[in-house]
C-alpha atoms as a PDB file:
ATOM      1  CA  MET A   1      45.699 111.246-144.612  1.00  0.00           C
ATOM      2  CA  PHE A   2      44.377 108.120-142.841  1.00  0.00           C
ATOM      3  CA  PRO A   3      41.828 107.880-140.027  1.00  0.00           C
ATOM      4  CA  LEU A   4      43.303 107.923-136.519  1.00  0.00           C
ATOM      5  CA  GLU A   5      42.454 104.240-135.938  1.00  0.00           C
ATOM      6  CA  ILE A   6      44.493 103.174-138.978  1.00  0.00           C
ATOM      7  CA  GLN A   7      47.389 105.448-138.000  1.00  0.00           C
ATOM      8  CA  THR A   8      47.379 103.943-134.522  1.00  0.00           C
ATOM      9  CA  LEU A   9      47.337 100.371-135.863  1.00  0.00           C
ATOM     10  CA  ALA A  10      50.190 101.143-138.238  1.00  0.00           C
ATOM     11  CA  ARG A  11      52.252 102.755-135.465  1.00  0.00           C
ATOM     12  CA  LEU A  12      51.702  99.763-133.160  1.00  0.00           C
ATOM     13  CA  LEU A  13      52.596  97.363-135.968  1.00  0.00           C
ATOM     14  CA  ILE A  14      55.839  99.191-136.702  1.00  0.00           C
ATOM     15  CA  ASP A  15      56.808  99.243-133.028  1.00  0.00           C
ATOM     16  CA  GLU A  16      56.037  95.539-132.593  1.00  0.00           C
ATOM     17  CA  ALA A  17      57.832  94.500-135.794  1.00  0.00           C
ATOM     18  CA  ARG A  18      60.849  96.630-134.853  1.00  0.00           C
ATOM     19  CA  GLY A  19      60.939  94.984-131.423  1.00  0.00           C
ATOM     20  CA  LYS A  20      61.140  91.556-133.066  1.00  0.00           C
ATOM     21  CA  SER A  21      63.443  92.654-135.925  1.00  0.00           C
ATOM     22  CA  LEU A  22      60.871  91.619-138.522  1.00  0.00           C
ATOM     23  CA  ARG A  23      60.516  93.084-142.008  1.00  0.00           C
ATOM     24  CA  LEU A  24      57.083  93.437-143.629  1.00  0.00           C
ATOM     25  CA  ALA A  25      55.732  93.254-147.180  1.00  0.00           C
ATOM     26  CA  THR A  26      52.320  93.840-148.705  1.00  0.00           C
ATOM     27  CA  ALA A  27      50.638  92.354-151.780  1.00  0.00           C
ATOM     28  CA  GLU A  28      47.566  94.407-152.611  1.00  0.00           C
ATOM     29  CA  SER A  29      44.899  94.326-155.251  1.00  0.00           C
ATOM     30  CA  CYS A  30      41.644  96.096-154.337  1.00  0.00           C
ATOM     31  CA  THR A  31      43.393  98.440-151.882  1.00  0.00           C
ATOM     32  CA  GLY A  32      45.873  99.618-154.505  1.00  0.00           C
ATOM     33  CA  GLY A  33      48.758 100.146-152.092  1.00  0.00           C
ATOM     34  CA  LEU A  34      46.831 101.725-149.225  1.00  0.00           C
ATOM     35  CA  VAL A  35      48.185  99.285-146.640  1.00  0.00           C
ATOM     36  CA  ALA A  36      51.743 100.100-147.698  1.00  0.00           C
ATOM     37  CA  GLY A  37      50.788 103.774-147.663  1.00  0.00           C
ATOM     38  CA  ALA A  38      49.349 103.550-144.157  1.00  0.00           C
ATOM     39  CA  ILE A  39      52.517 101.904-142.879  1.00  0.00           C
ATOM     40  CA  CYS A  40      54.834 104.315-144.691  1.00  0.00           C
ATOM     41  CA  ASN A  41      52.812 107.269-143.413  1.00  0.00           C
ATOM     42  CA  ILE A  42      54.347 106.605-139.986  1.00  0.00           C
ATOM     43  CA  ALA A  43      57.826 107.931-139.202  1.00  0.00           C
ATOM     44  CA  GLY A  44      60.237 105.061-138.703  1.00  0.00           C
ATOM     45  CA  ALA A  45      58.475 102.710-141.108  1.00  0.00           C
ATOM     46  CA  SER A  46      61.749 102.222-142.967  1.00  0.00           C
ATOM     47  CA  ASP A  47      62.984 100.205-139.983  1.00  0.00           C
ATOM     48  CA  VAL A  48      60.532  97.408-140.829  1.00  0.00           C
ATOM     49  CA  PHE A  49      58.809  97.955-144.172  1.00  0.00           C
ATOM     50  CA  GLU A  50      60.555  96.020-146.945  1.00  0.00           C
ATOM     51  CA  ARG A  51      58.291  96.600-149.948  1.00  0.00           C
ATOM     52  CA  GLY A  52      54.802  96.560-151.342  1.00  0.00           C
ATOM     53  CA  PHE A  53      53.403  94.940-154.451  1.00  0.00           C
ATOM     54  CA  VAL A  54      50.349  96.488-156.099  1.00  0.00           C
ATOM     55  CA  THR A  55      49.040  93.667-158.253  1.00  0.00           C
ATOM     56  CA  TYR A  56      45.757  95.010-159.500  1.00  0.00           C
ATOM     57  CA  THR A  57      45.564  92.842-162.619  1.00  0.00           C
ATOM     58  CA  ASN A  58      45.658  89.069-162.865  1.00  0.00           C
ATOM     59  CA  ARG A  59      48.767  89.360-165.005  1.00  0.00           C
ATOM     60  CA  ALA A  60      50.520  91.350-162.280  1.00  0.00           C
ATOM     61  CA  LYS A  61      49.576  88.706-159.705  1.00  0.00           C
ATOM     62  CA  SER A  62      51.201  86.088-161.926  1.00  0.00           C
ATOM     63  CA  GLU A  63      54.276  88.073-162.980  1.00  0.00           C
ATOM     64  CA  MET A  64      55.133  89.699-159.653  1.00  0.00           C
ATOM     65  CA  LEU A  65      53.924  87.115-157.139  1.00  0.00           C
ATOM     66  CA  GLY A  66      53.984  83.845-159.071  1.00  0.00           C
ATOM     67  CA  VAL A  67      50.256  83.135-158.841  1.00  0.00           C
ATOM     68  CA  PRO A  68      49.532  80.685-161.688  1.00  0.00           C
ATOM     69  CA  GLY A  69      47.155  82.065-164.304  1.00  0.00           C
ATOM     70  CA  ASP A  70      45.191  78.807-164.447  1.00  0.00           C
ATOM     71  CA  LEU A  71      44.621  78.999-160.698  1.00  0.00           C
ATOM     72  CA  ILE A  72      43.183  82.499-161.097  1.00  0.00           C
ATOM     73  CA  ALA A  73      41.049  81.295-164.027  1.00  0.00           C
ATOM     74  CA  ASP A  74      39.703  78.353-161.994  1.00  0.00           C
ATOM     75  CA  HIS A  75      39.022  80.156-158.695  1.00  0.00           C
ATOM     76  CA  GLY A  76      38.874  83.831-159.614  1.00  0.00           C
ATOM     77  CA  ALA A  77      41.216  86.552-158.435  1.00  0.00           C
ATOM     78  CA  VAL A  78      38.978  87.153-155.416  1.00  0.00           C
ATOM     79  CA  SER A  79      39.431  83.819-153.671  1.00  0.00           C
ATOM     80  CA  GLU A  80      41.098  82.201-150.700  1.00  0.00           C
ATOM     81  CA  VAL A  81      43.615  80.280-152.784  1.00  0.00           C
ATOM     82  CA  VAL A  82      44.745  83.394-154.670  1.00  0.00           C
ATOM     83  CA  ALA A  83      45.051  85.414-151.453  1.00  0.00           C
ATOM     84  CA  ARG A  84      47.193  82.662-149.935  1.00  0.00           C
ATOM     85  CA  MET A  85      49.442  82.469-152.991  1.00  0.00           C
ATOM     86  CA  MET A  86      49.789  86.260-153.120  1.00  0.00           C
ATOM     87  CA  ALA A  87      51.030  86.341-149.523  1.00  0.00           C
ATOM     88  CA  GLU A  88      53.454  83.472-150.107  1.00  0.00           C
ATOM     89  CA  GLY A  89      54.634  85.084-153.346  1.00  0.00           C
ATOM     90  CA  ALA A  90      55.302  88.394-151.591  1.00  0.00           C
ATOM     91  CA  LEU A  91      57.472  86.599-149.049  1.00  0.00           C
ATOM     92  CA  GLN A  92      59.411  84.790-151.764  1.00  0.00           C
ATOM     93  CA  ALA A  93      59.880  87.935-153.879  1.00  0.00           C
ATOM     94  CA  SER A  94      61.185  90.044-150.995  1.00  0.00           C
ATOM     95  CA  ASN A  95      63.434  90.011-147.967  1.00  0.00           C
ATOM     96  CA  ALA A  96      60.437  90.247-145.652  1.00  0.00           C
ATOM     97  CA  HIS A  97      59.615  87.909-142.783  1.00  0.00           C
ATOM     98  CA  VAL A  98      55.865  88.612-142.817  1.00  0.00           C
ATOM     99  CA  ALA A  99      53.583  89.470-145.752  1.00  0.00           C
ATOM    100  CA  VAL A 100      49.915  90.307-146.028  1.00  0.00           C
ATOM    101  CA  SER A 101      47.783  90.032-149.157  1.00  0.00           C
ATOM    102  CA  ILE A 102      44.430  91.511-150.058  1.00  0.00           C
ATOM    103  CA  THR A 103      42.180  90.701-152.998  1.00  0.00           C
ATOM    104  CA  GLY A 104      38.565  91.748-153.204  1.00  0.00           C
ATOM    105  CA  VAL A 105      35.691  93.618-154.813  1.00  0.00           C
ATOM    106  CA  ALA A 106      35.728  97.241-153.637  1.00  0.00           C
ATOM    107  CA  GLY A 107      32.865  98.348-155.876  1.00  0.00           C
ATOM    108  CA  PRO A 108      30.715 100.056-156.669  1.00  0.00           C
ATOM    109  CA  GLY A 109      30.515  97.597-159.593  1.00  0.00           C
ATOM    110  CA  GLY A 110      32.193  94.301-160.326  1.00  0.00           C
ATOM    111  CA  GLY A 111      30.320  92.206-157.809  1.00  0.00           C
ATOM    112  CA  SER A 112      28.400  89.011-158.488  1.00  0.00           C
ATOM    113  CA  PRO A 113      25.950  86.866-156.526  1.00  0.00           C
ATOM    114  CA  LEU A 114      28.847  84.660-155.378  1.00  0.00           C
ATOM    115  CA  LYS A 115      31.244  87.555-154.764  1.00  0.00           C
ATOM    116  CA  PRO A 116      29.239  90.677-153.986  1.00  0.00           C
ATOM    117  CA  VAL A 117      30.777  94.114-153.583  1.00  0.00           C
ATOM    118  CA  GLY A 118      32.584  94.176-150.252  1.00  0.00           C
ATOM    119  CA  THR A 119      33.930  90.611-150.547  1.00  0.00           C
ATOM    120  CA  VAL A 120      37.598  90.610-149.536  1.00  0.00           C
ATOM    121  CA  HIS A 121      40.066  87.779-148.973  1.00  0.00           C
ATOM    122  CA  PHE A 122      43.180  88.314-146.862  1.00  0.00           C
ATOM    123  CA  ALA A 123      46.163  86.120-146.143  1.00  0.00           C
ATOM    124  CA  VAL A 124      49.252  86.513-143.992  1.00  0.00           C
ATOM    125  CA  ALA A 125      52.369  84.481-144.595  1.00  0.00           C
ATOM    126  CA  ARG A 126      55.255  84.309-142.171  1.00  0.00           C
ATOM    127  CA  ALA A 127      58.410  82.326-142.688  1.00  0.00           C
ATOM    128  CA  ASN A 128      58.161  78.832-141.152  1.00  0.00           C
ATOM    129  CA  ARG A 129      54.484  79.210-140.215  1.00  0.00           C
ATOM    130  CA  SER A 130      51.179  78.268-141.794  1.00  0.00           C
ATOM    131  CA  VAL A 131      49.471  80.873-143.949  1.00  0.00           C
ATOM    132  CA  VAL A 132      46.487  82.460-142.203  1.00  0.00           C
ATOM    133  CA  HIS A 133      43.424  83.309-144.302  1.00  0.00           C
ATOM    134  CA  ARG A 134      40.481  85.553-143.513  1.00  0.00           C
ATOM    135  CA  HIS A 135      37.363  86.283-145.574  1.00  0.00           C
ATOM    136  CA  GLU A 136      35.237  89.360-144.935  1.00  0.00           C
ATOM    137  CA  LEU A 137      32.122  90.856-146.433  1.00  0.00           C
ATOM    138  CA  PHE A 138      32.103  94.590-145.812  1.00  0.00           C
ATOM    139  CA  ASP A 139      28.429  94.932-146.670  1.00  0.00           C
ATOM    140  CA  GLY A 140      26.850  98.291-147.388  1.00  0.00           C
ATOM    141  CA  GLU A 141      30.154 100.128-147.613  1.00  0.00           C
ATOM    142  CA  THR A 142      31.211 102.603-150.275  1.00  0.00           C
ATOM    143  CA  ARG A 143      34.351 101.870-152.304  1.00  0.00           C
ATOM    144  CA  GLU A 144      36.351 103.978-149.864  1.00  0.00           C
ATOM    145  CA  GLY A 145      34.661 102.234-146.942  1.00  0.00           C
ATOM    146  CA  VAL A 146      35.564  98.789-148.269  1.00  0.00           C
ATOM    147  CA  GLN A 147      39.145  99.870-148.882  1.00  0.00           C
ATOM    148  CA  LEU A 148      39.603 101.444-145.445  1.00  0.00           C
ATOM    149  CA  ALA A 149      37.999  98.441-143.730  1.00  0.00           C
ATOM    150  CA  ALA A 150      40.373  96.192-145.671  1.00  0.00           C
ATOM    151  CA  VAL A 151      43.382  98.289-144.642  1.00  0.00           C
ATOM    152  CA  ARG A 152      42.312  98.083-141.000  1.00  0.00           C
ATOM    153  CA  THR A 153      41.862  94.302-141.228  1.00  0.00           C
ATOM    154  CA  ALA A 154      45.218  93.809-142.963  1.00  0.00           C
ATOM    155  CA  LEU A 155      47.038  95.844-140.303  1.00  0.00           C
ATOM    156  CA  GLU A 156      45.326  93.835-137.553  1.00  0.00           C
ATOM    157  CA  MET A 157      46.323  90.575-139.243  1.00  0.00           C
ATOM    158  CA  LEU A 158      49.927  91.735-139.596  1.00  0.00           C
ATOM    159  CA  ARG A 159      50.015  92.646-135.911  1.00  0.00           C
ATOM    160  CA  GLU A 160      48.703  89.187-134.973  1.00  0.00           C
ATOM    161  CA  ALA A 161      51.386  87.550-137.130  1.00  0.00           C
ATOM    162  CA  VAL A 162      54.156  89.697-135.672  1.00  0.00           C
ATOM    163  CA  THR A 163      53.281  88.986-132.026  1.00  0.00           C
END
């Protein structure tokens, strides 16, 4: 279902999280649950995967993750501050130790000069640590390409936070 590279990253993540007794959560917008799907595609994921939030709409980001609507209105859903709050909200709304969030413009439409198609913000929150943010522009990618690149990046960020 997923490319070999993503399967390998997910398998390594599960093994590393299991070794540290850490539970994981995801908060996804433009990937629509693909990170959770990539993790759960690996046997043994239930040892570490707590839950995933698919918060495609702004309302869902507010209701499920506690991201204030005025913050989204001021900065846009595709922003560093929203990605950070999504990750923190996923930690607070779950029993996970580490959470990743993704919000972006997968395309083919919906981009703007300030946030072109391929713009994606990521954040990883871990209990008792600072939230880590990353901004990427997956330029020239198809919708599927942006989504798969975002999944790969999110898995890499989770692995960094787990180790």
